[in-house]
Amino acid sequence: MPARGRGCPISQGEALRRPGQINDEINPAVVSLIDNILSIKSPDDIQVSKVAVELKDTVKKFDDLQYCVTELCNRGLRDRTCSPVVAKVFGLTAQHFVGDCKVLSLLLRRVQTEYQKKDELAKSDRNKFVTSALFLGEVFHHVQSEKKTPFKVLVEPVLNYLDMIMRPHLTEDQREDIDDDMSVVSKQLLQSGDVLCEFNAEGVLKVVQDVTEVLCRRELNMSTRVNLLTALAELWPRLATYYNARTIHAQLANRLEVSLKI
């Protein structure tokens, strides 16, 4: 994953600035703008486009840019309601730059830092781990290159996150967090499954097989099950263009230890 943008100063540690720490030189208008962004509840809200324009007009100094990206990432990485809104704002402002440093450069550096901590975080704070996975998936969905294409370099991390989210539900007894976890999986597959499949069909096939196994083995609430089934209905035909559907069917039956009578 890209880590640095040309001309961007390098900071050490998880964040470029501690959450809540405000430099006296930070423009108060930037602080107010961040508050406005974080008050938005949906990435489809018309206000998202307005605050994106305001960000480009307001953030003109590197300290302001650094502070803005840091604070938005901090919230997106811990609050699942904010994750898609923050990612959408980044998608609309990714190419905004101050000097030689872009929003995109700071954003990718931060998500890379979080991704490198995924194994430790999955053990120490699973809720935060799953929220980090959601945030990266939202960034993949909303943020594009200057050529208006997804970042292929993010495909493997997104799929790895999905694999890690589902792993406990394949190997352990029924867990209380299963619906929260699988709602994150279904959202990412419904939003980006087709694009992920284009870049890495084999990785998506593994995720789809795991989803199918979870559906067969575990109890899920109705909304989670419907979303997962919808995602599968969209992805199985796409995968069938790469793989033999009957072979996959037989492999799944073997994993589930069932005998198929056809």
C-alpha atoms as a PDB file:
ATOM      1  CA  MET A   1       0.000   0.000   0.000  1.00  0.00           C
ATOM      2  CA  PRO A   2       1.300   3.513  -0.768  1.00  0.00           C
ATOM      3  CA  ALA A   3       2.694   5.155   2.316  1.00  0.00           C
ATOM      4  CA  ARG A   4       3.955   8.584   1.384  1.00  0.00           C
ATOM      5  CA  GLY A   5       3.081  11.463  -0.854  1.00  0.00           C
ATOM      6  CA  ARG A   6       5.917  13.369  -2.439  1.00  0.00           C
ATOM      7  CA  GLY A   7       6.706  16.459  -0.432  1.00  0.00           C
ATOM      8  CA  CYS A   8       4.642  15.457   2.632  1.00  0.00           C
ATOM      9  CA  PRO A   9       6.451  15.751   5.955  1.00  0.00           C
ATOM     10  CA  ILE A  10       6.714  12.421   7.748  1.00  0.00           C
ATOM     11  CA  SER A  11       5.334  12.001  11.246  1.00  0.00           C
ATOM     12  CA  GLN A  12       5.910   9.054  13.574  1.00  0.00           C
ATOM     13  CA  GLY A  13       3.243   7.025  15.348  1.00  0.00           C
ATOM     14  CA  GLU A  14      -0.346   6.001  14.747  1.00  0.00           C
ATOM     15  CA  ALA A  15      -1.690   9.489  14.157  1.00  0.00           C
ATOM     16  CA  LEU A  16      -0.166  12.682  12.923  1.00  0.00           C
ATOM     17  CA  ARG A  17      -1.702  14.468  15.910  1.00  0.00           C
ATOM     18  CA  ARG A  18      -3.317  13.156  19.065  1.00  0.00           C
ATOM     19  CA  PRO A  19      -7.143  13.123  18.901  1.00  0.00           C
ATOM     20  CA  GLY A  20      -8.508  16.347  20.291  1.00  0.00           C
ATOM     21  CA  GLN A  21      -5.167  18.125  20.317  1.00  0.00           C
ATOM     22  CA  ILE A  22      -5.519  21.461  18.538  1.00  0.00           C
ATOM     23  CA  ASN A  23      -2.532  23.544  17.567  1.00  0.00           C
ATOM     24  CA  ASP A  24      -2.995  27.226  18.349  1.00  0.00           C
ATOM     25  CA  GLU A  25      -2.279  27.932  14.684  1.00  0.00           C
ATOM     26  CA  ILE A  26      -5.068  25.677  13.379  1.00  0.00           C
ATOM     27  CA  ASN A  27      -7.724  27.712  11.634  1.00  0.00           C
ATOM     28  CA  PRO A  28     -10.891  27.703  13.803  1.00  0.00           C
ATOM     29  CA  ALA A  29     -12.865  27.420  10.579  1.00  0.00           C
ATOM     30  CA  VAL A  30     -11.205  24.028   9.992  1.00  0.00           C
ATOM     31  CA  VAL A  31     -12.223  22.816  13.446  1.00  0.00           C
ATOM     32  CA  SER A  32     -15.790  23.936  12.777  1.00  0.00           C
ATOM     33  CA  LEU A  33     -15.735  22.261   9.366  1.00  0.00           C
ATOM     34  CA  ILE A  34     -14.690  18.942  10.917  1.00  0.00           C
ATOM     35  CA  ASP A  35     -17.548  19.192  13.406  1.00  0.00           C
ATOM     36  CA  ASN A  36     -19.960  19.788  10.528  1.00  0.00           C
ATOM     37  CA  ILE A  37     -18.645  16.781   8.613  1.00  0.00           C
ATOM     38  CA  LEU A  38     -18.944  14.503  11.632  1.00  0.00           C
ATOM     39  CA  SER A  39     -22.529  15.592  12.244  1.00  0.00           C
ATOM     40  CA  ILE A  40     -23.640  14.193   8.851  1.00  0.00           C
ATOM     41  CA  LYS A  41     -25.316  10.799   9.177  1.00  0.00           C
ATOM     42  CA  SER A  42     -25.252   9.463   5.610  1.00  0.00           C
ATOM     43  CA  PRO A  43     -22.804   9.614   2.679  1.00  0.00           C
ATOM     44  CA  ASP A  44     -25.819  10.277   0.446  1.00  0.00           C
ATOM     45  CA  ASP A  45     -26.696  13.482   2.304  1.00  0.00           C
ATOM     46  CA  ILE A  46     -26.502  16.536   0.022  1.00  0.00           C
ATOM     47  CA  GLN A  47     -24.408  18.227   2.714  1.00  0.00           C
ATOM     48  CA  VAL A  48     -21.474  15.928   1.908  1.00  0.00           C
ATOM     49  CA  SER A  49     -20.816  17.696  -1.390  1.00  0.00           C
ATOM     50  CA  LYS A  50     -21.118  21.074   0.295  1.00  0.00           C
ATOM     51  CA  VAL A  51     -18.611  20.311   3.054  1.00  0.00           C
ATOM     52  CA  ALA A  52     -16.214  18.841   0.473  1.00  0.00           C
ATOM     53  CA  VAL A  53     -16.244  22.155  -1.397  1.00  0.00           C
ATOM     54  CA  GLU A  54     -15.815  23.994   1.882  1.00  0.00           C
ATOM     55  CA  LEU A  55     -12.824  21.822   2.790  1.00  0.00           C
ATOM     56  CA  LYS A  56     -11.059  22.722  -0.441  1.00  0.00           C
ATOM     57  CA  ASP A  57     -11.776  26.409   0.143  1.00  0.00           C
ATOM     58  CA  THR A  58     -10.789  26.408   3.824  1.00  0.00           C
ATOM     59  CA  VAL A  59      -7.780  24.099   4.131  1.00  0.00           C
ATOM     60  CA  LYS A  60      -4.885  26.079   2.708  1.00  0.00           C
ATOM     61  CA  LYS A  61      -2.032  25.370   5.165  1.00  0.00           C
ATOM     62  CA  PHE A  62      -0.239  22.080   5.745  1.00  0.00           C
ATOM     63  CA  ASP A  63      -0.973  22.098   9.488  1.00  0.00           C
ATOM     64  CA  ASP A  64      -4.661  22.511   8.689  1.00  0.00           C
ATOM     65  CA  LEU A  65      -4.522  19.712   6.115  1.00  0.00           C
ATOM     66  CA  GLN A  66      -2.724  17.382   8.503  1.00  0.00           C
ATOM     67  CA  TYR A  67      -5.089  18.161  11.349  1.00  0.00           C
ATOM     68  CA  CYS A  68      -8.180  17.740   9.162  1.00  0.00           C
ATOM     69  CA  VAL A  69      -7.174  14.348   7.744  1.00  0.00           C
ATOM     70  CA  THR A  70      -6.038  13.089  11.148  1.00  0.00           C
ATOM     71  CA  GLU A  71      -9.228  14.035  12.962  1.00  0.00           C
ATOM     72  CA  LEU A  72     -11.488  12.646  10.243  1.00  0.00           C
ATOM     73  CA  CYS A  73      -9.534   9.385  10.123  1.00  0.00           C
ATOM     74  CA  ASN A  74      -9.621   9.078  13.902  1.00  0.00           C
ATOM     75  CA  ARG A  75     -13.399   9.258  13.886  1.00  0.00           C
ATOM     76  CA  GLY A  76     -13.828   7.079  10.812  1.00  0.00           C
ATOM     77  CA  LEU A  77     -11.706   4.383  12.438  1.00  0.00           C
ATOM     78  CA  ARG A  78     -13.750   4.241  15.633  1.00  0.00           C
ATOM     79  CA  ASP A  79     -17.312   5.221  14.667  1.00  0.00           C
ATOM     80  CA  ARG A  80     -19.101   3.071  12.094  1.00  0.00           C
ATOM     81  CA  THR A  81     -21.732   5.723  11.451  1.00  0.00           C
ATOM     82  CA  CYS A  82     -19.029   8.209  10.500  1.00  0.00           C
ATOM     83  CA  SER A  83     -16.893   5.781   8.466  1.00  0.00           C
ATOM     84  CA  PRO A  84     -18.840   6.003   5.165  1.00  0.00           C
ATOM     85  CA  VAL A  85     -19.382   9.770   5.489  1.00  0.00           C
ATOM     86  CA  VAL A  86     -15.697  10.459   6.123  1.00  0.00           C
ATOM     87  CA  ALA A  87     -14.682   8.165   3.256  1.00  0.00           C
ATOM     88  CA  LYS A  88     -17.111   9.922   0.902  1.00  0.00           C
ATOM     89  CA  VAL A  89     -15.673  13.324   1.861  1.00  0.00           C
ATOM     90  CA  PHE A  90     -12.178  11.985   1.208  1.00  0.00           C
ATOM     91  CA  GLY A  91     -13.375  10.664  -2.143  1.00  0.00           C
ATOM     92  CA  LEU A  92     -14.504  14.162  -3.132  1.00  0.00           C
ATOM     93  CA  THR A  93     -11.353  15.873  -1.839  1.00  0.00           C
ATOM     94  CA  ALA A  94      -8.614  13.262  -2.435  1.00  0.00           C
ATOM     95  CA  GLN A  95      -6.755  15.358  -4.999  1.00  0.00           C
ATOM     96  CA  HIS A  96      -6.843  18.563  -2.931  1.00  0.00           C
ATOM     97  CA  PHE A  97      -3.312  19.558  -2.046  1.00  0.00           C
ATOM     98  CA  VAL A  98      -1.389  22.055   0.014  1.00  0.00           C
ATOM     99  CA  GLY A  99       2.081  22.587  -1.373  1.00  0.00           C
ATOM    100  CA  ASP A 100       3.105  19.154  -2.656  1.00  0.00           C
ATOM    101  CA  CYS A 101       0.966  17.172  -0.203  1.00  0.00           C
ATOM    102  CA  LYS A 102      -2.450  15.771  -1.076  1.00  0.00           C
ATOM    103  CA  VAL A 103      -5.313  14.636   1.102  1.00  0.00           C
ATOM    104  CA  LEU A 104      -4.886  11.271  -0.612  1.00  0.00           C
ATOM    105  CA  SER A 105      -1.261  10.889   0.510  1.00  0.00           C
ATOM    106  CA  LEU A 106      -2.077  11.463   4.173  1.00  0.00           C
ATOM    107  CA  LEU A 107      -5.156   9.226   3.975  1.00  0.00           C
ATOM    108  CA  LEU A 108      -3.330   6.260   2.439  1.00  0.00           C
ATOM    109  CA  ARG A 109      -0.500   6.626   4.914  1.00  0.00           C
ATOM    110  CA  ARG A 110      -2.957   6.434   7.789  1.00  0.00           C
ATOM    111  CA  VAL A 111      -4.916   3.420   6.538  1.00  0.00           C
ATOM    112  CA  GLN A 112      -1.622   1.639   5.905  1.00  0.00           C
ATOM    113  CA  THR A 113      -0.588   2.267   9.508  1.00  0.00           C
ATOM    114  CA  GLU A 114      -3.897   0.836  10.726  1.00  0.00           C
ATOM    115  CA  TYR A 115      -3.632  -2.177   8.432  1.00  0.00           C
ATOM    116  CA  GLN A 116      -0.188  -3.018   9.758  1.00  0.00           C
ATOM    117  CA  LYS A 117      -1.694  -3.274  13.270  1.00  0.00           C
ATOM    118  CA  LYS A 118      -4.618  -5.498  12.241  1.00  0.00           C
ATOM    119  CA  ASP A 119      -3.402  -8.747  13.831  1.00  0.00           C
ATOM    120  CA  GLU A 120      -2.732  -7.167  17.203  1.00  0.00           C
ATOM    121  CA  LEU A 121      -5.958  -5.170  17.079  1.00  0.00           C
ATOM    122  CA  ALA A 122      -8.044  -8.246  16.199  1.00  0.00           C
ATOM    123  CA  LYS A 123      -6.909  -9.778  19.500  1.00  0.00           C
ATOM    124  CA  SER A 124      -6.968  -6.715  21.752  1.00  0.00           C
ATOM    125  CA  ASP A 125     -10.046  -4.787  20.537  1.00  0.00           C
ATOM    126  CA  ARG A 126     -12.207  -6.690  18.068  1.00  0.00           C
ATOM    127  CA  ASN A 127     -14.821  -3.953  17.774  1.00  0.00           C
ATOM    128  CA  LYS A 128     -12.191  -1.412  16.753  1.00  0.00           C
ATOM    129  CA  PHE A 129     -10.629  -3.971  14.411  1.00  0.00           C
ATOM    130  CA  VAL A 130     -13.915  -4.535  12.570  1.00  0.00           C
ATOM    131  CA  THR A 131     -14.502  -0.771  12.394  1.00  0.00           C
ATOM    132  CA  SER A 132     -11.027  -0.351  10.869  1.00  0.00           C
ATOM    133  CA  ALA A 133     -11.935  -2.990   8.300  1.00  0.00           C
ATOM    134  CA  LEU A 134     -15.151  -1.148   7.505  1.00  0.00           C
ATOM    135  CA  PHE A 135     -13.308   2.152   7.115  1.00  0.00           C
ATOM    136  CA  LEU A 136     -10.788   0.709   4.670  1.00  0.00           C
ATOM    137  CA  GLY A 137     -13.634  -0.846   2.676  1.00  0.00           C
ATOM    138  CA  GLU A 138     -15.380   2.521   2.538  1.00  0.00           C
ATOM    139  CA  VAL A 139     -12.165   4.211   1.409  1.00  0.00           C
ATOM    140  CA  PHE A 140     -11.785   1.618  -1.349  1.00  0.00           C
ATOM    141  CA  HIS A 141     -15.371   2.228  -2.441  1.00  0.00           C
ATOM    142  CA  HIS A 142     -15.352   6.033  -2.400  1.00  0.00           C
ATOM    143  CA  VAL A 143     -11.765   7.136  -3.113  1.00  0.00           C
ATOM    144  CA  GLN A 144     -10.365   6.911  -6.630  1.00  0.00           C
ATOM    145  CA  SER A 145      -7.212   7.877  -8.471  1.00  0.00           C
ATOM    146  CA  GLU A 146      -6.893  10.918 -10.717  1.00  0.00           C
ATOM    147  CA  LYS A 147      -7.913   8.614 -13.577  1.00  0.00           C
ATOM    148  CA  LYS A 148     -11.180   7.805 -11.747  1.00  0.00           C
ATOM    149  CA  THR A 149     -10.183   4.203 -11.101  1.00  0.00           C
ATOM    150  CA  PRO A 150     -10.174   2.242  -7.813  1.00  0.00           C
ATOM    151  CA  PHE A 151      -6.875   1.677  -6.039  1.00  0.00           C
ATOM    152  CA  LYS A 152      -5.892  -1.883  -6.929  1.00  0.00           C
ATOM    153  CA  VAL A 153      -3.318  -1.856  -4.131  1.00  0.00           C
ATOM    154  CA  LEU A 154      -6.178  -1.802  -1.595  1.00  0.00           C
ATOM    155  CA  VAL A 155      -7.884  -4.952  -2.939  1.00  0.00           C
ATOM    156  CA  GLU A 156      -5.795  -7.474  -1.010  1.00  0.00           C
ATOM    157  CA  PRO A 157      -6.056  -5.580   2.310  1.00  0.00           C
ATOM    158  CA  VAL A 158      -9.846  -5.291   1.926  1.00  0.00           C
ATOM    159  CA  LEU A 159     -10.176  -9.030   1.232  1.00  0.00           C
ATOM    160  CA  ASN A 160      -7.803  -9.899   4.079  1.00  0.00           C
ATOM    161  CA  TYR A 161      -9.920  -7.874   6.460  1.00  0.00           C
ATOM    162  CA  LEU A 162     -13.099  -9.665   5.348  1.00  0.00           C
ATOM    163  CA  ASP A 163     -11.385 -13.023   5.766  1.00  0.00           C
ATOM    164  CA  MET A 164     -10.256 -12.096   9.288  1.00  0.00           C
ATOM    165  CA  ILE A 165     -13.710 -10.864  10.281  1.00  0.00           C
ATOM    166  CA  MET A 166     -15.323 -14.168   9.308  1.00  0.00           C
ATOM    167  CA  ARG A 167     -12.626 -16.522  10.581  1.00  0.00           C
ATOM    168  CA  PRO A 168     -13.917 -16.802  14.189  1.00  0.00           C
ATOM    169  CA  HIS A 169     -17.433 -17.527  12.946  1.00  0.00           C
ATOM    170  CA  LEU A 170     -16.113 -20.491  10.965  1.00  0.00           C
ATOM    171  CA  THR A 171     -14.075 -22.028  13.780  1.00  0.00           C
ATOM    172  CA  GLU A 172     -15.914 -21.124  16.984  1.00  0.00           C
ATOM    173  CA  ASP A 173     -19.406 -21.676  18.363  1.00  0.00           C
ATOM    174  CA  GLN A 174     -22.114 -19.043  17.924  1.00  0.00           C
ATOM    175  CA  ARG A 175     -20.744 -15.621  18.879  1.00  0.00           C
ATOM    176  CA  GLU A 176     -22.773 -12.637  20.025  1.00  0.00           C
ATOM    177  CA  ASP A 177     -21.033 -10.308  17.570  1.00  0.00           C
ATOM    178  CA  ILE A 178     -21.895 -12.343  14.473  1.00  0.00           C
ATOM    179  CA  ASP A 179     -24.615 -10.035  13.120  1.00  0.00           C
ATOM    180  CA  ASP A 180     -22.491  -6.902  13.576  1.00  0.00           C
ATOM    181  CA  ASP A 181     -19.553  -8.598  11.875  1.00  0.00           C
ATOM    182  CA  MET A 182     -21.514 -10.055   8.978  1.00  0.00           C
ATOM    183  CA  SER A 183     -23.334  -6.770   8.355  1.00  0.00           C
ATOM    184  CA  VAL A 184     -19.916  -5.217   7.688  1.00  0.00           C
ATOM    185  CA  VAL A 185     -19.048  -8.080   5.339  1.00  0.00           C
ATOM    186  CA  SER A 186     -22.332  -7.829   3.431  1.00  0.00           C
ATOM    187  CA  LYS A 187     -22.021  -4.054   3.073  1.00  0.00           C
ATOM    188  CA  GLN A 188     -18.562  -4.311   1.544  1.00  0.00           C
ATOM    189  CA  LEU A 189     -19.613  -7.071  -0.841  1.00  0.00           C
ATOM    190  CA  LEU A 190     -22.740  -5.217  -1.948  1.00  0.00           C
ATOM    191  CA  GLN A 191     -20.786  -1.983  -2.494  1.00  0.00           C
ATOM    192  CA  SER A 192     -17.559  -3.272  -3.982  1.00  0.00           C
ATOM    193  CA  GLY A 193     -17.906  -6.991  -4.674  1.00  0.00           C
ATOM    194  CA  ASP A 194     -18.006  -6.574  -8.428  1.00  0.00           C
ATOM    195  CA  VAL A 195     -14.879  -4.399  -8.491  1.00  0.00           C
ATOM    196  CA  LEU A 196     -13.040  -6.682  -6.078  1.00  0.00           C
ATOM    197  CA  CYS A 197     -13.938  -9.631  -8.306  1.00  0.00           C
ATOM    198  CA  GLU A 198     -12.529  -7.858 -11.335  1.00  0.00           C
ATOM    199  CA  PHE A 199      -9.171  -7.437  -9.623  1.00  0.00           C
ATOM    200  CA  ASN A 200      -9.018 -10.658  -7.576  1.00  0.00           C
ATOM    201  CA  ALA A 201     -11.661 -13.255  -8.420  1.00  0.00           C
ATOM    202  CA  GLU A 202      -9.890 -15.953  -6.417  1.00  0.00           C
ATOM    203  CA  GLY A 203      -9.903 -13.820  -3.265  1.00  0.00           C
ATOM    204  CA  VAL A 204     -13.587 -12.983  -3.694  1.00  0.00           C
ATOM    205  CA  LEU A 205     -14.394 -16.663  -4.266  1.00  0.00           C
ATOM    206  CA  LYS A 206     -12.867 -17.523  -0.887  1.00  0.00           C
ATOM    207  CA  VAL A 207     -14.870 -14.781   0.820  1.00  0.00           C
ATOM    208  CA  VAL A 208     -18.083 -15.908  -0.894  1.00  0.00           C
ATOM    209  CA  GLN A 209     -17.503 -19.514   0.127  1.00  0.00           C
ATOM    210  CA  ASP A 210     -16.899 -18.430   3.720  1.00  0.00           C
ATOM    211  CA  VAL A 211     -20.079 -16.328   3.687  1.00  0.00           C
ATOM    212  CA  THR A 212     -22.034 -19.314   2.407  1.00  0.00           C
ATOM    213  CA  GLU A 213     -20.593 -21.491   5.163  1.00  0.00           C
ATOM    214  CA  VAL A 214     -21.496 -18.944   7.843  1.00  0.00           C
ATOM    215  CA  LEU A 215     -25.038 -18.778   6.452  1.00  0.00           C
ATOM    216  CA  CYS A 216     -25.324 -22.551   6.663  1.00  0.00           C
ATOM    217  CA  ARG A 217     -23.756 -23.015  10.093  1.00  0.00           C
ATOM    218  CA  ARG A 218     -24.792 -20.002  12.166  1.00  0.00           C
ATOM    219  CA  GLU A 219     -27.948 -18.275  13.330  1.00  0.00           C
ATOM    220  CA  LEU A 220     -28.325 -14.757  11.919  1.00  0.00           C
ATOM    221  CA  ASN A 221     -31.015 -12.144  12.201  1.00  0.00           C
ATOM    222  CA  MET A 222     -33.256 -11.649   9.201  1.00  0.00           C
ATOM    223  CA  SER A 223     -31.753  -8.381   7.917  1.00  0.00           C
ATOM    224  CA  THR A 224     -28.205  -9.771   8.037  1.00  0.00           C
ATOM    225  CA  ARG A 225     -29.285 -12.923   6.226  1.00  0.00           C
ATOM    226  CA  VAL A 226     -31.143 -10.998   3.514  1.00  0.00           C
ATOM    227  CA  ASN A 227     -28.140  -8.730   2.863  1.00  0.00           C
ATOM    228  CA  LEU A 228     -25.760 -11.670   2.666  1.00  0.00           C
ATOM    229  CA  LEU A 229     -28.062 -13.585   0.323  1.00  0.00           C
ATOM    230  CA  THR A 230     -28.376 -10.520  -1.906  1.00  0.00           C
ATOM    231  CA  ALA A 231     -24.600 -10.183  -2.063  1.00  0.00           C
ATOM    232  CA  LEU A 232     -24.236 -13.852  -2.932  1.00  0.00           C
ATOM    233  CA  ALA A 233     -26.935 -13.621  -5.600  1.00  0.00           C
ATOM    234  CA  GLU A 234     -24.940 -10.859  -7.272  1.00  0.00           C
ATOM    235  CA  LEU A 235     -21.508 -12.450  -6.950  1.00  0.00           C
ATOM    236  CA  TRP A 236     -22.100 -16.123  -7.743  1.00  0.00           C
ATOM    237  CA  PRO A 237     -23.006 -15.440 -11.417  1.00  0.00           C
ATOM    238  CA  ARG A 238     -19.921 -13.238 -11.755  1.00  0.00           C
ATOM    239  CA  LEU A 239     -17.681 -15.897 -10.244  1.00  0.00           C
ATOM    240  CA  ALA A 240     -19.225 -18.517 -12.529  1.00  0.00           C
ATOM    241  CA  THR A 241     -17.551 -16.742 -15.457  1.00  0.00           C
ATOM    242  CA  TYR A 242     -14.181 -17.630 -13.902  1.00  0.00           C
ATOM    243  CA  TYR A 243     -14.873 -20.965 -12.210  1.00  0.00           C
ATOM    244  CA  ASN A 244     -16.984 -24.082 -12.729  1.00  0.00           C
ATOM    245  CA  ALA A 245     -20.068 -23.616 -10.564  1.00  0.00           C
ATOM    246  CA  ARG A 246     -20.628 -27.360 -10.089  1.00  0.00           C
ATOM    247  CA  THR A 247     -17.078 -27.823  -8.847  1.00  0.00           C
ATOM    248  CA  ILE A 248     -17.535 -25.000  -6.343  1.00  0.00           C
ATOM    249  CA  HIS A 249     -20.841 -26.543  -5.292  1.00  0.00           C
ATOM    250  CA  ALA A 250     -19.131 -29.868  -4.594  1.00  0.00           C
ATOM    251  CA  GLN A 251     -16.297 -28.175  -2.694  1.00  0.00           C
ATOM    252  CA  LEU A 252     -18.777 -26.353  -0.477  1.00  0.00           C
ATOM    253  CA  ALA A 253     -20.643 -29.557   0.243  1.00  0.00           C
ATOM    254  CA  ASN A 254     -17.381 -31.182   1.256  1.00  0.00           C
ATOM    255  CA  ARG A 255     -16.524 -28.291   3.593  1.00  0.00           C
ATOM    256  CA  LEU A 256     -19.975 -28.509   5.168  1.00  0.00           C
ATOM    257  CA  GLU A 257     -19.762 -32.299   5.377  1.00  0.00           C
ATOM    258  CA  VAL A 258     -23.041 -32.871   3.611  1.00  0.00           C
ATOM    259  CA  SER A 259     -23.995 -35.421   0.973  1.00  0.00           C
ATOM    260  CA  LEU A 260     -25.612 -33.923  -2.110  1.00  0.00           C
ATOM    261  CA  LYS A 261     -28.482 -35.822  -3.719  1.00  0.00           C
ATOM    262  CA  ILE A 262     -28.993 -34.350  -7.173  1.00  0.00           C
END
